[in-house]
Amino acid sequence: MGGAAAIAGMFPGLAAAETKLTTVASPYTLNETMTPEAKAKSYNNFYEFGTSKDEPARNAHTLRPRPWSVKVEGLVAKPQTLDVDTIMAFKPIEQRVYRFRCVEAWSMVIPWDGYPLAEFIKAMNPLPAAKYVQFISLADYKQMPDLGSSGINPPYSEGLRMDEAMNPLTLLTFGSYGETLANQQGAPIRVIVPWKYGFKSAKSIVTIRFVAKQPSTTWNELNSEEYGFYSNVNPSVDHPRWSQAHERRLDSTNSIFPKTIPTLPFNGYANEVAGMYAGMDLRKNY
């Protein structure tokens, strides 16, 4: 049974909408066991559809990923609104196998499908004054029955410094496992920033805004002591309520006793990204 069918079988109420994608080869891969597709699509954080890990897969069938448009606004030469299928067609879609580390100290290895966010940003021609990129997620009470009930003020907002957004690892993402994103994964368009904790990878994006100053972001605004703006994976900086030195790797369908492995600085991507933070105190800029 294929990925979408497997998920539908596990959750009879879920109307799986994934469709196959055509992808090109990518040098970004890992010699690590990938998380089974069914696990990656049934164990999710997406509070707009519930706060338990299994609720998004059960509840996200109300999300309508088509038609979908994304506003590009702020400090950009030509503000515009683009259809998601137009955005997908900008560049060939690569399949990149990345580590995905949650701030809650669990992790997965997932093949994400997309192209570098940098390519999209260059096409949008931001102005020199743009120093940050802000991502705004959908906030629609009809499509998201739990919107606002978790204590998070909608809409969900995330942001990256411009050099982070332009880093080749940052992926504008439309799918996983060779299929379009499942609703509970943040369909139809999200970002993946593999050296940061997962909540930095904004889901179901409806606005991409170029700004001069560090934008307000949801979790940092909610509790800045626990969730910094940068939120780079750092085993030396613990969350106030738990250690970040190790993680539970969900690499099988049995997550009752997942294996525990050491967490790597920058989630194992230090060679590619550490230079962006040279001279910064990463305990203060967590």
C-alpha atoms as a PDB file:
ATOM      1  CA  MET A   1       0.000   0.000   0.000  1.00  0.00           C
ATOM      2  CA  GLY A   2       1.469   3.362  -1.074  1.00  0.00           C
ATOM      3  CA  GLY A   3       2.084   6.385   1.131  1.00  0.00           C
ATOM      4  CA  ALA A   4      -1.206   8.230   0.685  1.00  0.00           C
ATOM      5  CA  ALA A   5      -3.205   5.012   0.778  1.00  0.00           C
ATOM      6  CA  ALA A   6      -1.391   3.853   3.891  1.00  0.00           C
ATOM      7  CA  ILE A   7      -2.207   7.057   5.711  1.00  0.00           C
ATOM      8  CA  ALA A   8      -5.842   6.911   4.625  1.00  0.00           C
ATOM      9  CA  GLY A   9      -6.006   3.355   5.924  1.00  0.00           C
ATOM     10  CA  MET A  10      -4.631   4.385   9.302  1.00  0.00           C
ATOM     11  CA  PHE A  11      -7.034   7.321   9.576  1.00  0.00           C
ATOM     12  CA  PRO A  12     -10.301   6.485   7.801  1.00  0.00           C
ATOM     13  CA  GLY A  13     -11.590  10.044   8.255  1.00  0.00           C
ATOM     14  CA  LEU A  14      -8.618  11.562   6.429  1.00  0.00           C
ATOM     15  CA  ALA A  15      -9.087  12.523   2.807  1.00  0.00           C
ATOM     16  CA  ALA A  16      -5.490  12.097   1.618  1.00  0.00           C
ATOM     17  CA  ALA A  17      -4.766  14.459  -1.266  1.00  0.00           C
ATOM     18  CA  GLU A  18      -1.128  13.758  -2.055  1.00  0.00           C
ATOM     19  CA  THR A  19      -0.217  13.436  -5.717  1.00  0.00           C
ATOM     20  CA  LYS A  20       3.022  12.285  -7.289  1.00  0.00           C
ATOM     21  CA  LEU A  21       5.713  14.836  -8.076  1.00  0.00           C
ATOM     22  CA  THR A  22       8.390  14.787 -10.747  1.00  0.00           C
ATOM     23  CA  THR A  23      11.714  15.396  -9.031  1.00  0.00           C
ATOM     24  CA  VAL A  24      15.337  15.694 -10.112  1.00  0.00           C
ATOM     25  CA  ALA A  25      18.395  14.215  -8.434  1.00  0.00           C
ATOM     26  CA  SER A  26      19.937  16.150  -5.561  1.00  0.00           C
ATOM     27  CA  PRO A  27      23.325  15.909  -3.815  1.00  0.00           C
ATOM     28  CA  TYR A  28      21.609  16.488  -0.474  1.00  0.00           C
ATOM     29  CA  THR A  29      21.177  13.053   1.014  1.00  0.00           C
ATOM     30  CA  LEU A  30      22.117  11.152   4.182  1.00  0.00           C
ATOM     31  CA  ASN A  31      23.476   7.755   5.000  1.00  0.00           C
ATOM     32  CA  GLU A  32      20.851   7.395   7.726  1.00  0.00           C
ATOM     33  CA  THR A  33      17.649   5.410   8.002  1.00  0.00           C
ATOM     34  CA  MET A  34      14.706   7.420   6.737  1.00  0.00           C
ATOM     35  CA  THR A  35      11.605   7.742   8.843  1.00  0.00           C
ATOM     36  CA  PRO A  36       8.801   5.651   7.317  1.00  0.00           C
ATOM     37  CA  GLU A  37       6.371   7.772   5.354  1.00  0.00           C
ATOM     38  CA  ALA A  38       3.422   6.684   7.465  1.00  0.00           C
ATOM     39  CA  LYS A  39       5.194   7.833  10.633  1.00  0.00           C
ATOM     40  CA  ALA A  40       6.223  11.192   9.159  1.00  0.00           C
ATOM     41  CA  LYS A  41       2.654  11.871   8.031  1.00  0.00           C
ATOM     42  CA  SER A  42       0.916  10.780  11.214  1.00  0.00           C
ATOM     43  CA  TYR A  43       3.131  12.302  13.928  1.00  0.00           C
ATOM     44  CA  ASN A  44       2.942  16.047  13.440  1.00  0.00           C
ATOM     45  CA  ASN A  45       2.869  19.398  15.174  1.00  0.00           C
ATOM     46  CA  PHE A  46       0.306  21.676  13.537  1.00  0.00           C
ATOM     47  CA  TYR A  47      -1.636  23.355  16.327  1.00  0.00           C
ATOM     48  CA  GLU A  48      -4.221  24.787  13.978  1.00  0.00           C
ATOM     49  CA  PHE A  49      -5.496  21.199  13.748  1.00  0.00           C
ATOM     50  CA  GLY A  50      -4.964  20.088  17.349  1.00  0.00           C
ATOM     51  CA  THR A  51      -2.170  19.895  19.875  1.00  0.00           C
ATOM     52  CA  SER A  52      -1.752  16.113  20.065  1.00  0.00           C
ATOM     53  CA  LYS A  53       0.614  14.529  17.571  1.00  0.00           C
ATOM     54  CA  ASP A  54      -2.103  12.401  15.960  1.00  0.00           C
ATOM     55  CA  GLU A  55      -4.733  15.144  15.651  1.00  0.00           C
ATOM     56  CA  PRO A  56      -3.392  16.983  12.570  1.00  0.00           C
ATOM     57  CA  ALA A  57      -3.588  13.823  10.444  1.00  0.00           C
ATOM     58  CA  ARG A  58      -7.180  13.268  11.602  1.00  0.00           C
ATOM     59  CA  ASN A  59      -8.354  16.861  11.366  1.00  0.00           C
ATOM     60  CA  ALA A  60      -6.478  18.479   8.484  1.00  0.00           C
ATOM     61  CA  HIS A  61      -8.814  17.115   5.813  1.00  0.00           C
ATOM     62  CA  THR A  62     -10.654  20.441   6.173  1.00  0.00           C
ATOM     63  CA  LEU A  63      -7.685  22.293   4.679  1.00  0.00           C
ATOM     64  CA  ARG A  64      -8.132  23.141   0.990  1.00  0.00           C
ATOM     65  CA  PRO A  65      -4.673  23.285  -0.632  1.00  0.00           C
ATOM     66  CA  ARG A  66      -6.086  24.232  -4.039  1.00  0.00           C
ATOM     67  CA  PRO A  67      -6.711  26.895  -5.183  1.00  0.00           C
ATOM     68  CA  TRP A  68      -3.929  28.589  -3.217  1.00  0.00           C
ATOM     69  CA  SER A  69      -2.114  31.848  -3.684  1.00  0.00           C
ATOM     70  CA  VAL A  70       0.838  33.497  -1.940  1.00  0.00           C
ATOM     71  CA  LYS A  71       1.240  37.258  -1.519  1.00  0.00           C
ATOM     72  CA  VAL A  72       4.760  38.631  -1.959  1.00  0.00           C
ATOM     73  CA  GLU A  73       4.947  42.013  -0.272  1.00  0.00           C
ATOM     74  CA  GLY A  74       7.032  44.501   1.674  1.00  0.00           C
ATOM     75  CA  LEU A  75      10.464  45.637   0.507  1.00  0.00           C
ATOM     76  CA  VAL A  76      10.307  44.088  -2.926  1.00  0.00           C
ATOM     77  CA  ALA A  77      10.526  45.638  -6.376  1.00  0.00           C
ATOM     78  CA  LYS A  78       7.163  44.302  -7.495  1.00  0.00           C
ATOM     79  CA  PRO A  79       4.641  43.191  -4.873  1.00  0.00           C
ATOM     80  CA  GLN A  80       2.459  40.503  -6.371  1.00  0.00           C
ATOM     81  CA  THR A  81       0.227  37.523  -5.705  1.00  0.00           C
ATOM     82  CA  LEU A  82       1.234  34.191  -7.203  1.00  0.00           C
ATOM     83  CA  ASP A  83      -0.590  30.904  -7.583  1.00  0.00           C
ATOM     84  CA  VAL A  84       1.181  28.052  -5.801  1.00  0.00           C
ATOM     85  CA  ASP A  85       1.416  26.022  -9.012  1.00  0.00           C
ATOM     86  CA  THR A  86       3.177  28.957 -10.677  1.00  0.00           C
ATOM     87  CA  ILE A  87       5.635  29.057  -7.772  1.00  0.00           C
ATOM     88  CA  MET A  88       6.225  25.312  -8.036  1.00  0.00           C
ATOM     89  CA  ALA A  89       7.084  25.676 -11.719  1.00  0.00           C
ATOM     90  CA  PHE A  90       9.822  28.297 -11.173  1.00  0.00           C
ATOM     91  CA  LYS A  91      12.584  25.712 -10.796  1.00  0.00           C
ATOM     92  CA  PRO A  92      13.008  21.933 -11.007  1.00  0.00           C
ATOM     93  CA  ILE A  93      11.932  20.212  -7.811  1.00  0.00           C
ATOM     94  CA  GLU A  94      14.675  18.331  -5.994  1.00  0.00           C
ATOM     95  CA  GLN A  95      14.247  15.588  -3.436  1.00  0.00           C
ATOM     96  CA  ARG A  96      16.506  16.343  -0.478  1.00  0.00           C
ATOM     97  CA  VAL A  97      16.922  13.990   2.464  1.00  0.00           C
ATOM     98  CA  TYR A  98      17.278  16.122   5.593  1.00  0.00           C
ATOM     99  CA  ARG A  99      17.368  15.607   9.320  1.00  0.00           C
ATOM    100  CA  PHE A 100      14.333  17.208  10.962  1.00  0.00           C
ATOM    101  CA  ARG A 101      14.792  18.077  14.647  1.00  0.00           C
ATOM    102  CA  CYS A 102      11.902  19.208  16.838  1.00  0.00           C
ATOM    103  CA  VAL A 103      12.494  21.474  19.828  1.00  0.00           C
ATOM    104  CA  GLU A 104      10.690  18.765  21.842  1.00  0.00           C
ATOM    105  CA  ALA A 105      13.801  16.543  21.387  1.00  0.00           C
ATOM    106  CA  TRP A 106      12.461  14.106  18.813  1.00  0.00           C
ATOM    107  CA  SER A 107      13.718  13.857  15.259  1.00  0.00           C
ATOM    108  CA  MET A 108      13.092  12.289  11.881  1.00  0.00           C
ATOM    109  CA  VAL A 109      14.906  11.845   8.570  1.00  0.00           C
ATOM    110  CA  ILE A 110      12.631  12.939   5.732  1.00  0.00           C
ATOM    111  CA  PRO A 111      12.961  13.292   1.947  1.00  0.00           C
ATOM    112  CA  TRP A 112      11.536  16.754   1.230  1.00  0.00           C
ATOM    113  CA  ASP A 113      10.672  17.922  -2.293  1.00  0.00           C
ATOM    114  CA  GLY A 114      11.263  21.508  -3.346  1.00  0.00           C
ATOM    115  CA  TYR A 115      13.884  23.940  -4.582  1.00  0.00           C
ATOM    116  CA  PRO A 116      16.149  26.473  -2.818  1.00  0.00           C
ATOM    117  CA  LEU A 117      14.224  29.377  -1.340  1.00  0.00           C
ATOM    118  CA  ALA A 118      17.083  31.551  -2.614  1.00  0.00           C
ATOM    119  CA  GLU A 119      15.960  30.927  -6.186  1.00  0.00           C
ATOM    120  CA  PHE A 120      12.475  32.226  -5.434  1.00  0.00           C
ATOM    121  CA  ILE A 121      13.826  35.238  -3.536  1.00  0.00           C
ATOM    122  CA  LYS A 122      16.110  36.217  -6.416  1.00  0.00           C
ATOM    123  CA  ALA A 123      13.165  36.042  -8.810  1.00  0.00           C
ATOM    124  CA  MET A 124      11.157  38.358  -6.527  1.00  0.00           C
ATOM    125  CA  ASN A 125      13.938  40.992  -6.544  1.00  0.00           C
ATOM    126  CA  PRO A 126      13.818  42.270  -2.940  1.00  0.00           C
ATOM    127  CA  LEU A 127      15.121  45.783  -2.285  1.00  0.00           C
ATOM    128  CA  PRO A 128      18.545  46.293  -0.659  1.00  0.00           C
ATOM    129  CA  ALA A 129      16.817  47.442   2.547  1.00  0.00           C
ATOM    130  CA  ALA A 130      15.272  43.979   3.018  1.00  0.00           C
ATOM    131  CA  LYS A 131      17.227  42.240   5.770  1.00  0.00           C
ATOM    132  CA  TYR A 132      14.670  39.620   6.863  1.00  0.00           C
ATOM    133  CA  VAL A 133      11.999  37.424   5.319  1.00  0.00           C
ATOM    134  CA  GLN A 134       8.743  36.845   7.207  1.00  0.00           C
ATOM    135  CA  PHE A 135       6.373  33.951   6.517  1.00  0.00           C
ATOM    136  CA  ILE A 136       2.695  34.182   7.408  1.00  0.00           C
ATOM    137  CA  SER A 137       0.602  31.008   7.557  1.00  0.00           C
ATOM    138  CA  LEU A 138      -3.047  30.580   6.705  1.00  0.00           C
ATOM    139  CA  ALA A 139      -5.506  31.634   9.410  1.00  0.00           C
ATOM    140  CA  ASP A 140      -8.975  30.470   8.431  1.00  0.00           C
ATOM    141  CA  TYR A 141     -11.402  29.270  11.098  1.00  0.00           C
ATOM    142  CA  LYS A 142     -13.443  27.372   8.511  1.00  0.00           C
ATOM    143  CA  GLN A 143     -10.463  25.330   7.374  1.00  0.00           C
ATOM    144  CA  MET A 144      -8.667  25.176  10.724  1.00  0.00           C
ATOM    145  CA  PRO A 145     -11.097  24.132  13.464  1.00  0.00           C
ATOM    146  CA  ASP A 146      -8.552  24.489  16.292  1.00  0.00           C
ATOM    147  CA  LEU A 147      -7.205  27.864  15.180  1.00  0.00           C
ATOM    148  CA  GLY A 148      -6.501  29.959  18.258  1.00  0.00           C
ATOM    149  CA  SER A 149      -7.598  27.311  20.771  1.00  0.00           C
ATOM    150  CA  SER A 150      -4.013  26.340  21.657  1.00  0.00           C
ATOM    151  CA  GLY A 151      -3.148  29.776  23.016  1.00  0.00           C
ATOM    152  CA  ILE A 152      -1.291  30.806  19.865  1.00  0.00           C
ATOM    153  CA  ASN A 153      -2.550  34.036  18.335  1.00  0.00           C
ATOM    154  CA  PRO A 154      -3.235  33.575  14.616  1.00  0.00           C
ATOM    155  CA  PRO A 155      -1.865  33.956  12.083  1.00  0.00           C
ATOM    156  CA  TYR A 156       1.280  31.892  12.667  1.00  0.00           C
ATOM    157  CA  SER A 157       4.367  33.943  11.829  1.00  0.00           C
ATOM    158  CA  GLU A 158       7.980  32.914  11.328  1.00  0.00           C
ATOM    159  CA  GLY A 159      11.040  34.635   9.948  1.00  0.00           C
ATOM    160  CA  LEU A 160      14.622  34.287   8.809  1.00  0.00           C
ATOM    161  CA  ARG A 161      17.498  36.660   8.435  1.00  0.00           C
ATOM    162  CA  MET A 162      18.144  37.255   4.725  1.00  0.00           C
ATOM    163  CA  ASP A 163      21.401  35.294   4.687  1.00  0.00           C
ATOM    164  CA  GLU A 164      19.619  32.361   6.337  1.00  0.00           C
ATOM    165  CA  ALA A 165      16.836  32.507   3.764  1.00  0.00           C
ATOM    166  CA  MET A 166      19.420  32.621   0.963  1.00  0.00           C
ATOM    167  CA  ASN A 167      21.465  29.717   2.309  1.00  0.00           C
ATOM    168  CA  PRO A 168      21.427  26.836  -0.207  1.00  0.00           C
ATOM    169  CA  LEU A 169      20.043  24.445   2.433  1.00  0.00           C
ATOM    170  CA  THR A 170      16.834  26.447   2.971  1.00  0.00           C
ATOM    171  CA  LEU A 171      14.186  24.689   0.918  1.00  0.00           C
ATOM    172  CA  LEU A 172      10.929  26.087  -0.438  1.00  0.00           C
ATOM    173  CA  THR A 173       9.004  22.876  -0.043  1.00  0.00           C
ATOM    174  CA  PHE A 174       5.996  21.434  -1.859  1.00  0.00           C
ATOM    175  CA  GLY A 175       6.200  17.749  -1.052  1.00  0.00           C
ATOM    176  CA  SER A 176       7.772  14.820   0.752  1.00  0.00           C
ATOM    177  CA  TYR A 177       8.446  11.224  -0.237  1.00  0.00           C
ATOM    178  CA  GLY A 178       7.879  12.194  -3.883  1.00  0.00           C
ATOM    179  CA  GLU A 179       4.314  13.400  -3.290  1.00  0.00           C
ATOM    180  CA  THR A 180       2.749  16.778  -2.665  1.00  0.00           C
ATOM    181  CA  LEU A 181       2.668  17.696   1.001  1.00  0.00           C
ATOM    182  CA  ALA A 182      -0.033  16.094   3.089  1.00  0.00           C
ATOM    183  CA  ASN A 183      -2.325  18.683   4.636  1.00  0.00           C
ATOM    184  CA  GLN A 184      -0.996  17.919   8.104  1.00  0.00           C
ATOM    185  CA  GLN A 185       2.553  18.595   6.891  1.00  0.00           C
ATOM    186  CA  GLY A 186       1.772  22.174   5.900  1.00  0.00           C
ATOM    187  CA  ALA A 187       0.333  21.825   2.405  1.00  0.00           C
ATOM    188  CA  PRO A 188       0.640  23.158  -0.160  1.00  0.00           C
ATOM    189  CA  ILE A 189       3.774  25.251   0.488  1.00  0.00           C
ATOM    190  CA  ARG A 190       6.157  25.539   3.428  1.00  0.00           C
ATOM    191  CA  VAL A 191       9.820  26.105   4.133  1.00  0.00           C
ATOM    192  CA  ILE A 192      12.296  23.629   5.581  1.00  0.00           C
ATOM    193  CA  VAL A 193      15.303  25.031   7.449  1.00  0.00           C
ATOM    194  CA  PRO A 194      17.143  21.862   8.495  1.00  0.00           C
ATOM    195  CA  TRP A 195      19.655  23.364  10.949  1.00  0.00           C
ATOM    196  CA  LYS A 196      16.892  24.965  13.045  1.00  0.00           C
ATOM    197  CA  TYR A 197      14.224  23.491  15.286  1.00  0.00           C
ATOM    198  CA  GLY A 198      11.165  22.432  13.334  1.00  0.00           C
ATOM    199  CA  PHE A 199       8.847  25.264  14.375  1.00  0.00           C
ATOM    200  CA  LYS A 200      11.016  27.665  12.334  1.00  0.00           C
ATOM    201  CA  SER A 201       9.897  25.870   9.149  1.00  0.00           C
ATOM    202  CA  ALA A 202       6.642  27.725   8.499  1.00  0.00           C
ATOM    203  CA  LYS A 203       3.691  25.741   7.121  1.00  0.00           C
ATOM    204  CA  SER A 204       0.783  26.542   4.759  1.00  0.00           C
ATOM    205  CA  ILE A 205       2.294  29.885   3.776  1.00  0.00           C
ATOM    206  CA  VAL A 206       0.017  32.595   2.375  1.00  0.00           C
ATOM    207  CA  THR A 207       2.343  35.621   2.637  1.00  0.00           C
ATOM    208  CA  ILE A 208       6.075  36.103   2.115  1.00  0.00           C
ATOM    209  CA  ARG A 209       7.066  39.549   3.358  1.00  0.00           C
ATOM    210  CA  PHE A 210      10.442  41.243   2.981  1.00  0.00           C
ATOM    211  CA  VAL A 211      11.208  43.551   5.908  1.00  0.00           C
ATOM    212  CA  ALA A 212      14.048  45.712   7.248  1.00  0.00           C
ATOM    213  CA  LYS A 213      13.824  44.736  10.917  1.00  0.00           C
ATOM    214  CA  GLN A 214      13.579  41.414  12.705  1.00  0.00           C
ATOM    215  CA  PRO A 215       9.929  40.379  12.416  1.00  0.00           C
ATOM    216  CA  SER A 216       7.715  39.214  15.225  1.00  0.00           C
ATOM    217  CA  THR A 217       7.494  35.416  15.268  1.00  0.00           C
ATOM    218  CA  THR A 218       4.832  33.348  16.970  1.00  0.00           C
ATOM    219  CA  TRP A 219       6.707  31.214  19.485  1.00  0.00           C
ATOM    220  CA  ASN A 220       9.263  33.894  20.300  1.00  0.00           C
ATOM    221  CA  GLU A 221       6.430  36.321  20.992  1.00  0.00           C
ATOM    222  CA  LEU A 222       4.572  33.741  23.084  1.00  0.00           C
ATOM    223  CA  ASN A 223       7.552  32.774  25.252  1.00  0.00           C
ATOM    224  CA  SER A 224      10.902  34.327  24.377  1.00  0.00           C
ATOM    225  CA  GLU A 225      12.638  32.559  27.278  1.00  0.00           C
ATOM    226  CA  GLU A 226      11.976  29.178  25.697  1.00  0.00           C
ATOM    227  CA  TYR A 227      11.890  29.954  21.961  1.00  0.00           C
ATOM    228  CA  GLY A 228      14.500  32.301  20.559  1.00  0.00           C
ATOM    229  CA  PHE A 229      14.278  33.983  17.190  1.00  0.00           C
ATOM    230  CA  TYR A 230      17.206  32.023  15.788  1.00  0.00           C
ATOM    231  CA  SER A 231      16.422  28.612  17.337  1.00  0.00           C
ATOM    232  CA  ASN A 232      19.422  26.910  15.804  1.00  0.00           C
ATOM    233  CA  VAL A 233      19.745  23.304  16.932  1.00  0.00           C
ATOM    234  CA  ASN A 234      22.293  23.468  19.734  1.00  0.00           C
ATOM    235  CA  PRO A 235      22.963  20.534  22.094  1.00  0.00           C
ATOM    236  CA  SER A 236      24.816  22.905  24.446  1.00  0.00           C
ATOM    237  CA  VAL A 237      21.806  25.140  25.075  1.00  0.00           C
ATOM    238  CA  ASP A 238      19.031  23.319  26.884  1.00  0.00           C
ATOM    239  CA  HIS A 239      15.374  24.170  26.675  1.00  0.00           C
ATOM    240  CA  PRO A 240      14.376  25.482  30.141  1.00  0.00           C
ATOM    241  CA  ARG A 241      12.338  22.321  30.698  1.00  0.00           C
ATOM    242  CA  TRP A 242      14.509  19.613  29.118  1.00  0.00           C
ATOM    243  CA  SER A 243      17.949  18.822  27.780  1.00  0.00           C
ATOM    244  CA  GLN A 244      18.727  19.297  24.090  1.00  0.00           C
ATOM    245  CA  ALA A 245      21.853  17.134  24.218  1.00  0.00           C
ATOM    246  CA  HIS A 246      20.039  14.041  22.891  1.00  0.00           C
ATOM    247  CA  GLU A 247      17.029  13.304  20.715  1.00  0.00           C
ATOM    248  CA  ARG A 248      14.581  10.475  20.116  1.00  0.00           C
ATOM    249  CA  ARG A 249      15.022   9.407  16.496  1.00  0.00           C
ATOM    250  CA  LEU A 250      11.730   8.217  15.018  1.00  0.00           C
ATOM    251  CA  ASP A 251      13.068   5.939  12.301  1.00  0.00           C
ATOM    252  CA  SER A 252      10.576   3.117  12.552  1.00  0.00           C
ATOM    253  CA  THR A 253       6.826   2.756  12.883  1.00  0.00           C
ATOM    254  CA  ASN A 254       7.372   1.720  16.499  1.00  0.00           C
ATOM    255  CA  SER A 255       7.857   4.959  18.434  1.00  0.00           C
ATOM    256  CA  ILE A 256       7.135   3.494  21.887  1.00  0.00           C
ATOM    257  CA  PHE A 257      10.856   2.930  22.434  1.00  0.00           C
ATOM    258  CA  PRO A 258      12.655   5.079  19.840  1.00  0.00           C
ATOM    259  CA  LYS A 259      16.415   5.069  19.939  1.00  0.00           C
ATOM    260  CA  THR A 260      18.142   7.988  21.603  1.00  0.00           C
ATOM    261  CA  ILE A 261      21.069   9.590  19.779  1.00  0.00           C
ATOM    262  CA  PRO A 262      23.314  12.593  20.487  1.00  0.00           C
ATOM    263  CA  THR A 263      22.153  15.848  18.963  1.00  0.00           C
ATOM    264  CA  LEU A 264      24.639  17.469  16.583  1.00  0.00           C
ATOM    265  CA  PRO A 265      25.383  21.211  16.525  1.00  0.00           C
ATOM    266  CA  PHE A 266      23.258  22.869  13.852  1.00  0.00           C
ATOM    267  CA  ASN A 267      21.598  19.449  13.436  1.00  0.00           C
ATOM    268  CA  GLY A 268      24.680  18.195  11.626  1.00  0.00           C
ATOM    269  CA  TYR A 269      24.858  21.060   9.126  1.00  0.00           C
ATOM    270  CA  ALA A 270      27.565  23.131  10.834  1.00  0.00           C
ATOM    271  CA  ASN A 271      29.880  23.039   7.810  1.00  0.00           C
ATOM    272  CA  GLU A 272      27.228  24.714   5.694  1.00  0.00           C
ATOM    273  CA  VAL A 273      25.790  27.239   8.143  1.00  0.00           C
ATOM    274  CA  ALA A 274      28.035  27.951  11.142  1.00  0.00           C
ATOM    275  CA  GLY A 275      29.826  30.755   9.326  1.00  0.00           C
ATOM    276  CA  MET A 276      26.651  32.838   9.317  1.00  0.00           C
ATOM    277  CA  TYR A 277      26.858  33.107  13.093  1.00  0.00           C
ATOM    278  CA  ALA A 278      30.580  33.815  13.490  1.00  0.00           C
ATOM    279  CA  GLY A 279      31.154  36.132  16.428  1.00  0.00           C
ATOM    280  CA  MET A 280      27.643  35.690  17.811  1.00  0.00           C
ATOM    281  CA  ASP A 281      27.015  34.431  21.321  1.00  0.00           C
ATOM    282  CA  LEU A 282      24.785  31.460  20.550  1.00  0.00           C
ATOM    283  CA  ARG A 283      23.709  31.204  24.191  1.00  0.00           C
ATOM    284  CA  LYS A 284      22.196  34.667  24.017  1.00  0.00           C
ATOM    285  CA  ASN A 285      21.134  34.398  20.379  1.00  0.00           C
ATOM    286  CA  TYR A 286      19.462  31.031  20.828  1.00  0.00           C
END
